[in-house]
Amino acid sequence: MENEFSQLMKENNTAHIFYSVTKLELYINNLVSYILSGVKQGEHILVIENERVLSLLDKELESVLTKEQLTHIHTVNNFDYYFSSGSFHPPTIFEYLSKTLNPFYKNNTSFRIWAHVEWSEQEEILTILEEFENEADQLVTEQGLCLICAYDEERVPDSLKTALMKCHEYVLSEDGLIPSDLYQKAKKHS
């Protein structure tokens, strides 16, 4: 998987990738591969993830990265990230992201992002998630970002999965990284 990530980033400066997570062990392996690919290319990696996965990730990374390389990994608790306003509220989330990315931009640091999207029960959440990802796709295009958005398979109904495949250029699956047949390029708002 690491080679697929490296190849994609050599071919494109930007990528918005949808990942439907089915197995935790495979998820951790793919996350580690994404990080290793970035570190080997001299990039920093922002990982937006829950505490349980972050503790598993730390153990894996300590065995494969040097102390210097570990300084390239930056983590944010995804609960704090997605619920800093008390609910899944895209304007607040993007404001939080902007503040988080500001040091990377100020220091002209190359980076990539891995975000595990989680939410609580909330009215109209599927519509909110779809709008959120369309905005994220526009941001990826405008800012030249590489972003993987991971979703737990059992929480994603087919209607949302279809919507997510429309706003993510690539899909990461157990078979590897493939272009999304449903992708519709982000349109700039006038």
C-alpha atoms as a PDB file:
ATOM      1  CA  MET A   1       0.000   0.000   0.000  1.00  0.00           C
ATOM      2  CA  GLU A   2       2.867   2.343   0.833  1.00  0.00           C
ATOM      3  CA  ASN A   3       4.065   2.195  -2.786  1.00  0.00           C
ATOM      4  CA  GLU A   4       0.565   3.021  -4.057  1.00  0.00           C
ATOM      5  CA  PHE A   5       0.448   6.131  -1.858  1.00  0.00           C
ATOM      6  CA  SER A   6       3.923   7.172  -2.989  1.00  0.00           C
ATOM      7  CA  GLN A   7       3.060   6.638  -6.660  1.00  0.00           C
ATOM      8  CA  LEU A   8      -0.174   8.622  -6.352  1.00  0.00           C
ATOM      9  CA  MET A   9       1.632  11.562  -4.767  1.00  0.00           C
ATOM     10  CA  LYS A  10       4.351  11.519  -7.450  1.00  0.00           C
ATOM     11  CA  GLU A  11       1.659  11.697 -10.140  1.00  0.00           C
ATOM     12  CA  ASN A  12      -0.608  14.233  -8.375  1.00  0.00           C
ATOM     13  CA  ASN A  13      -0.037  16.989  -5.886  1.00  0.00           C
ATOM     14  CA  THR A  14      -3.592  16.616  -4.638  1.00  0.00           C
ATOM     15  CA  ALA A  15      -5.811  13.691  -3.757  1.00  0.00           C
ATOM     16  CA  HIS A  16      -9.092  13.324  -1.900  1.00  0.00           C
ATOM     17  CA  ILE A  17      -9.544   9.683  -0.902  1.00  0.00           C
ATOM     18  CA  PHE A  18     -12.578   7.919   0.590  1.00  0.00           C
ATOM     19  CA  TYR A  19     -11.816   4.928   2.791  1.00  0.00           C
ATOM     20  CA  SER A  20     -14.628   2.702   4.058  1.00  0.00           C
ATOM     21  CA  VAL A  21     -13.141   0.921   7.063  1.00  0.00           C
ATOM     22  CA  THR A  22     -14.088  -2.716   7.615  1.00  0.00           C
ATOM     23  CA  LYS A  23     -11.287  -4.224   9.743  1.00  0.00           C
ATOM     24  CA  LEU A  24      -9.259  -2.422  12.411  1.00  0.00           C
ATOM     25  CA  GLU A  25      -6.033  -4.325  11.729  1.00  0.00           C
ATOM     26  CA  LEU A  26      -6.139  -3.515   8.011  1.00  0.00           C
ATOM     27  CA  TYR A  27      -7.052   0.080   8.868  1.00  0.00           C
ATOM     28  CA  ILE A  28      -3.978   0.471  11.096  1.00  0.00           C
ATOM     29  CA  ASN A  29      -1.770  -1.109   8.407  1.00  0.00           C
ATOM     30  CA  ASN A  30      -3.061   1.327   5.772  1.00  0.00           C
ATOM     31  CA  LEU A  31      -2.654   4.287   8.115  1.00  0.00           C
ATOM     32  CA  VAL A  32       0.939   3.261   8.881  1.00  0.00           C
ATOM     33  CA  SER A  33       1.643   2.817   5.134  1.00  0.00           C
ATOM     34  CA  TYR A  34       0.257   6.306   4.428  1.00  0.00           C
ATOM     35  CA  ILE A  35       2.438   7.777   7.158  1.00  0.00           C
ATOM     36  CA  LEU A  36       5.579   5.907   6.035  1.00  0.00           C
ATOM     37  CA  SER A  37       5.024   7.036   2.446  1.00  0.00           C
ATOM     38  CA  GLY A  38       4.755  10.649   3.596  1.00  0.00           C
ATOM     39  CA  VAL A  39       7.738  10.535   5.942  1.00  0.00           C
ATOM     40  CA  LYS A  40       9.913   8.995   3.205  1.00  0.00           C
ATOM     41  CA  GLN A  41       8.933  11.909   0.956  1.00  0.00           C
ATOM     42  CA  GLY A  42       9.897  14.403   3.680  1.00  0.00           C
ATOM     43  CA  GLU A  43       6.316  15.337   4.498  1.00  0.00           C
ATOM     44  CA  HIS A  44       4.611  15.878   7.822  1.00  0.00           C
ATOM     45  CA  ILE A  45       1.384  14.002   8.496  1.00  0.00           C
ATOM     46  CA  LEU A  46      -1.634  15.329  10.365  1.00  0.00           C
ATOM     47  CA  VAL A  47      -3.660  12.423  11.786  1.00  0.00           C
ATOM     48  CA  ILE A  48      -7.168  13.250  13.021  1.00  0.00           C
ATOM     49  CA  GLU A  49      -8.150  10.124  14.929  1.00  0.00           C
ATOM     50  CA  ASN A  50      -9.777   8.762  18.080  1.00  0.00           C
ATOM     51  CA  GLU A  51      -7.738   8.009  21.213  1.00  0.00           C
ATOM     52  CA  ARG A  52      -8.071   4.222  20.950  1.00  0.00           C
ATOM     53  CA  VAL A  53      -6.624   4.121  17.427  1.00  0.00           C
ATOM     54  CA  LEU A  54      -3.972   6.730  18.263  1.00  0.00           C
ATOM     55  CA  SER A  55      -2.610   4.525  21.051  1.00  0.00           C
ATOM     56  CA  LEU A  56      -2.442   1.513  18.671  1.00  0.00           C
ATOM     57  CA  LEU A  57      -0.838   3.708  16.016  1.00  0.00           C
ATOM     58  CA  ASP A  58       1.821   4.999  18.420  1.00  0.00           C
ATOM     59  CA  LYS A  59       2.926   1.438  19.179  1.00  0.00           C
ATOM     60  CA  GLU A  60       3.202   0.595  15.472  1.00  0.00           C
ATOM     61  CA  LEU A  61       5.059   3.783  14.555  1.00  0.00           C
ATOM     62  CA  GLU A  62       7.593   3.522  17.396  1.00  0.00           C
ATOM     63  CA  SER A  63       8.759   0.212  15.933  1.00  0.00           C
ATOM     64  CA  VAL A  64       9.265   1.524  12.374  1.00  0.00           C
ATOM     65  CA  LEU A  65      10.229   5.212  12.677  1.00  0.00           C
ATOM     66  CA  THR A  66      13.184   6.997  14.241  1.00  0.00           C
ATOM     67  CA  LYS A  67      12.678   9.666  16.921  1.00  0.00           C
ATOM     68  CA  GLU A  68      13.372  12.302  14.269  1.00  0.00           C
ATOM     69  CA  GLN A  69      10.820  10.790  11.889  1.00  0.00           C
ATOM     70  CA  LEU A  70       8.230  10.639  14.680  1.00  0.00           C
ATOM     71  CA  THR A  71       8.416  14.452  14.900  1.00  0.00           C
ATOM     72  CA  HIS A  72       6.736  14.491  11.463  1.00  0.00           C
ATOM     73  CA  ILE A  73       3.552  12.975  12.918  1.00  0.00           C
ATOM     74  CA  HIS A  74       1.000  15.424  14.333  1.00  0.00           C
ATOM     75  CA  THR A  75      -2.171  14.133  15.939  1.00  0.00           C
ATOM     76  CA  VAL A  76      -5.516  15.679  16.788  1.00  0.00           C
ATOM     77  CA  ASN A  77      -8.213  13.913  18.773  1.00  0.00           C
ATOM     78  CA  ASN A  78     -11.073  13.558  16.317  1.00  0.00           C
ATOM     79  CA  PHE A  79     -13.690  14.051  19.039  1.00  0.00           C
ATOM     80  CA  ASP A  80     -12.227  17.492  19.804  1.00  0.00           C
ATOM     81  CA  TYR A  81     -11.914  18.196  16.091  1.00  0.00           C
ATOM     82  CA  TYR A  82     -15.427  17.260  14.979  1.00  0.00           C
ATOM     83  CA  PHE A  83     -17.333  18.266  18.110  1.00  0.00           C
ATOM     84  CA  SER A  84     -15.557  21.403  19.323  1.00  0.00           C
ATOM     85  CA  SER A  85     -18.880  23.261  18.935  1.00  0.00           C
ATOM     86  CA  GLY A  86     -20.898  20.482  20.584  1.00  0.00           C
ATOM     87  CA  SER A  87     -22.153  18.997  17.304  1.00  0.00           C
ATOM     88  CA  PHE A  88     -20.844  18.138  13.852  1.00  0.00           C
ATOM     89  CA  HIS A  89     -20.766  21.713  12.488  1.00  0.00           C
ATOM     90  CA  PRO A  90     -18.737  22.106   9.244  1.00  0.00           C
ATOM     91  CA  PRO A  91     -17.917  25.848   9.574  1.00  0.00           C
ATOM     92  CA  THR A  92     -16.438  25.239  13.043  1.00  0.00           C
ATOM     93  CA  ILE A  93     -14.585  22.137  11.819  1.00  0.00           C
ATOM     94  CA  PHE A  94     -13.025  24.030   8.892  1.00  0.00           C
ATOM     95  CA  GLU A  95     -12.058  26.890  11.217  1.00  0.00           C
ATOM     96  CA  TYR A  96     -10.343  24.358  13.513  1.00  0.00           C
ATOM     97  CA  LEU A  97      -8.592  22.829  10.479  1.00  0.00           C
ATOM     98  CA  SER A  98      -7.418  26.242   9.295  1.00  0.00           C
ATOM     99  CA  LYS A  99      -5.864  26.969  12.708  1.00  0.00           C
ATOM    100  CA  THR A 100      -4.270  23.507  12.754  1.00  0.00           C
ATOM    101  CA  LEU A 101      -2.786  23.875   9.259  1.00  0.00           C
ATOM    102  CA  ASN A 102      -1.594  27.459   9.715  1.00  0.00           C
ATOM    103  CA  PRO A 103       1.837  26.474  11.164  1.00  0.00           C
ATOM    104  CA  PHE A 104       2.437  24.148   8.182  1.00  0.00           C
ATOM    105  CA  TYR A 105       1.674  26.949   5.748  1.00  0.00           C
ATOM    106  CA  LYS A 106       3.678  29.561   7.718  1.00  0.00           C
ATOM    107  CA  ASN A 107       6.746  27.311   7.759  1.00  0.00           C
ATOM    108  CA  ASN A 108       6.236  26.188   4.154  1.00  0.00           C
ATOM    109  CA  THR A 109       6.082  22.590   5.397  1.00  0.00           C
ATOM    110  CA  SER A 110       4.876  19.866   3.054  1.00  0.00           C
ATOM    111  CA  PHE A 111       2.145  17.748   4.665  1.00  0.00           C
ATOM    112  CA  ARG A 112      -0.715  15.322   4.123  1.00  0.00           C
ATOM    113  CA  ILE A 113      -3.816  14.554   6.198  1.00  0.00           C
ATOM    114  CA  TRP A 114      -5.598  11.416   7.403  1.00  0.00           C
ATOM    115  CA  ALA A 115      -8.991  12.053   9.026  1.00  0.00           C
ATOM    116  CA  HIS A 116     -11.209   9.453  10.685  1.00  0.00           C
ATOM    117  CA  VAL A 117     -14.674  11.000  10.339  1.00  0.00           C
ATOM    118  CA  GLU A 118     -16.950  10.156  13.242  1.00  0.00           C
ATOM    119  CA  TRP A 119     -20.212  11.724  14.358  1.00  0.00           C
ATOM    120  CA  SER A 120     -22.966  11.388  16.918  1.00  0.00           C
ATOM    121  CA  GLU A 121     -26.658  11.065  16.180  1.00  0.00           C
ATOM    122  CA  GLN A 122     -27.773  14.419  14.897  1.00  0.00           C
ATOM    123  CA  GLU A 123     -30.680  15.622  12.807  1.00  0.00           C
ATOM    124  CA  GLU A 124     -29.898  15.729   9.060  1.00  0.00           C
ATOM    125  CA  ILE A 125     -26.404  14.308   9.686  1.00  0.00           C
ATOM    126  CA  LEU A 126     -26.195  12.509   6.326  1.00  0.00           C
ATOM    127  CA  THR A 127     -26.916  15.756   4.459  1.00  0.00           C
ATOM    128  CA  ILE A 128     -24.427  17.615   6.660  1.00  0.00           C
ATOM    129  CA  LEU A 129     -21.726  14.985   5.982  1.00  0.00           C
ATOM    130  CA  GLU A 130     -22.307  15.205   2.234  1.00  0.00           C
ATOM    131  CA  GLU A 131     -22.058  19.010   2.271  1.00  0.00           C
ATOM    132  CA  PHE A 132     -18.985  18.789   4.520  1.00  0.00           C
ATOM    133  CA  GLU A 133     -17.200  16.445   2.103  1.00  0.00           C
ATOM    134  CA  ASN A 134     -18.082  18.572  -0.918  1.00  0.00           C
ATOM    135  CA  GLU A 135     -16.508  21.548   0.852  1.00  0.00           C
ATOM    136  CA  ALA A 136     -13.507  19.410   1.794  1.00  0.00           C
ATOM    137  CA  ASP A 137     -13.078  18.391  -1.852  1.00  0.00           C
ATOM    138  CA  GLN A 138     -13.086  22.031  -2.883  1.00  0.00           C
ATOM    139  CA  LEU A 139     -10.483  22.788  -0.190  1.00  0.00           C
ATOM    140  CA  VAL A 140      -8.317  19.870  -1.376  1.00  0.00           C
ATOM    141  CA  THR A 141      -8.418  21.251  -4.923  1.00  0.00           C
ATOM    142  CA  GLU A 142      -7.796  24.892  -3.943  1.00  0.00           C
ATOM    143  CA  GLN A 143      -5.040  24.166  -1.383  1.00  0.00           C
ATOM    144  CA  GLY A 144      -3.359  21.285  -3.213  1.00  0.00           C
ATOM    145  CA  LEU A 145      -3.862  18.849  -0.332  1.00  0.00           C
ATOM    146  CA  CYS A 146      -3.702  15.090   0.044  1.00  0.00           C
ATOM    147  CA  LEU A 147      -6.516  13.985   2.340  1.00  0.00           C
ATOM    148  CA  ILE A 148      -7.836  10.548   3.260  1.00  0.00           C
ATOM    149  CA  CYS A 149     -11.294  10.527   4.845  1.00  0.00           C
ATOM    150  CA  ALA A 150     -11.912   7.266   6.704  1.00  0.00           C
ATOM    151  CA  TYR A 151     -15.444   6.191   7.608  1.00  0.00           C
ATOM    152  CA  ASP A 152     -16.534   3.134   9.588  1.00  0.00           C
ATOM    153  CA  GLU A 153     -18.346   0.901   7.081  1.00  0.00           C
ATOM    154  CA  GLU A 154     -21.170  -0.092   9.444  1.00  0.00           C
ATOM    155  CA  ARG A 155     -22.127   3.556  10.021  1.00  0.00           C
ATOM    156  CA  VAL A 156     -22.353   4.492   6.337  1.00  0.00           C
ATOM    157  CA  PRO A 157     -25.636   3.708   4.599  1.00  0.00           C
ATOM    158  CA  ASP A 158     -25.515   3.084   0.838  1.00  0.00           C
ATOM    159  CA  SER A 159     -26.948   6.531   0.060  1.00  0.00           C
ATOM    160  CA  LEU A 160     -24.109   8.235   1.969  1.00  0.00           C
ATOM    161  CA  LYS A 161     -21.501   5.902   0.454  1.00  0.00           C
ATOM    162  CA  THR A 162     -22.655   6.915  -3.037  1.00  0.00           C
ATOM    163  CA  ALA A 163     -22.549  10.596  -2.077  1.00  0.00           C
ATOM    164  CA  LEU A 164     -19.033  10.169  -0.648  1.00  0.00           C
ATOM    165  CA  MET A 165     -17.797   8.477  -3.805  1.00  0.00           C
ATOM    166  CA  LYS A 166     -19.063  11.492  -5.791  1.00  0.00           C
ATOM    167  CA  CYS A 167     -16.888  13.925  -3.825  1.00  0.00           C
ATOM    168  CA  HIS A 168     -13.739  11.800  -3.438  1.00  0.00           C
ATOM    169  CA  GLU A 169     -11.507  11.349  -6.457  1.00  0.00           C
ATOM    170  CA  TYR A 170     -10.134   8.041  -5.172  1.00  0.00           C
ATOM    171  CA  VAL A 171     -11.388   5.111  -3.114  1.00  0.00           C
ATOM    172  CA  LEU A 172      -9.153   3.082  -0.816  1.00  0.00           C
ATOM    173  CA  SER A 173     -10.367  -0.479  -0.427  1.00  0.00           C
ATOM    174  CA  GLU A 174      -8.960  -3.851   0.509  1.00  0.00           C
ATOM    175  CA  ASP A 175      -8.049  -4.164  -3.182  1.00  0.00           C
ATOM    176  CA  GLY A 176      -5.953  -1.004  -3.112  1.00  0.00           C
ATOM    177  CA  LEU A 177      -6.313   2.556  -4.303  1.00  0.00           C
ATOM    178  CA  ILE A 178      -8.620   3.100  -7.288  1.00  0.00           C
ATOM    179  CA  PRO A 179     -10.202   6.117  -9.015  1.00  0.00           C
ATOM    180  CA  SER A 180     -13.845   6.670  -8.034  1.00  0.00           C
ATOM    181  CA  ASP A 181     -16.168   6.054 -10.975  1.00  0.00           C
ATOM    182  CA  LEU A 182     -18.669   8.466  -9.441  1.00  0.00           C
ATOM    183  CA  TYR A 183     -16.330  11.399  -8.716  1.00  0.00           C
ATOM    184  CA  GLN A 184     -17.599  14.840  -9.702  1.00  0.00           C
ATOM    185  CA  LYS A 185     -14.853  17.480  -9.531  1.00  0.00           C
ATOM    186  CA  ALA A 186     -15.426  20.173  -6.934  1.00  0.00           C
ATOM    187  CA  LYS A 187     -16.970  23.276  -8.379  1.00  0.00           C
ATOM    188  CA  LYS A 188     -15.803  26.636  -7.124  1.00  0.00           C
ATOM    189  CA  HIS A 189     -18.496  28.715  -5.484  1.00  0.00           C
ATOM    190  CA  SER A 190     -18.955  32.101  -7.125  1.00  0.00           C
END
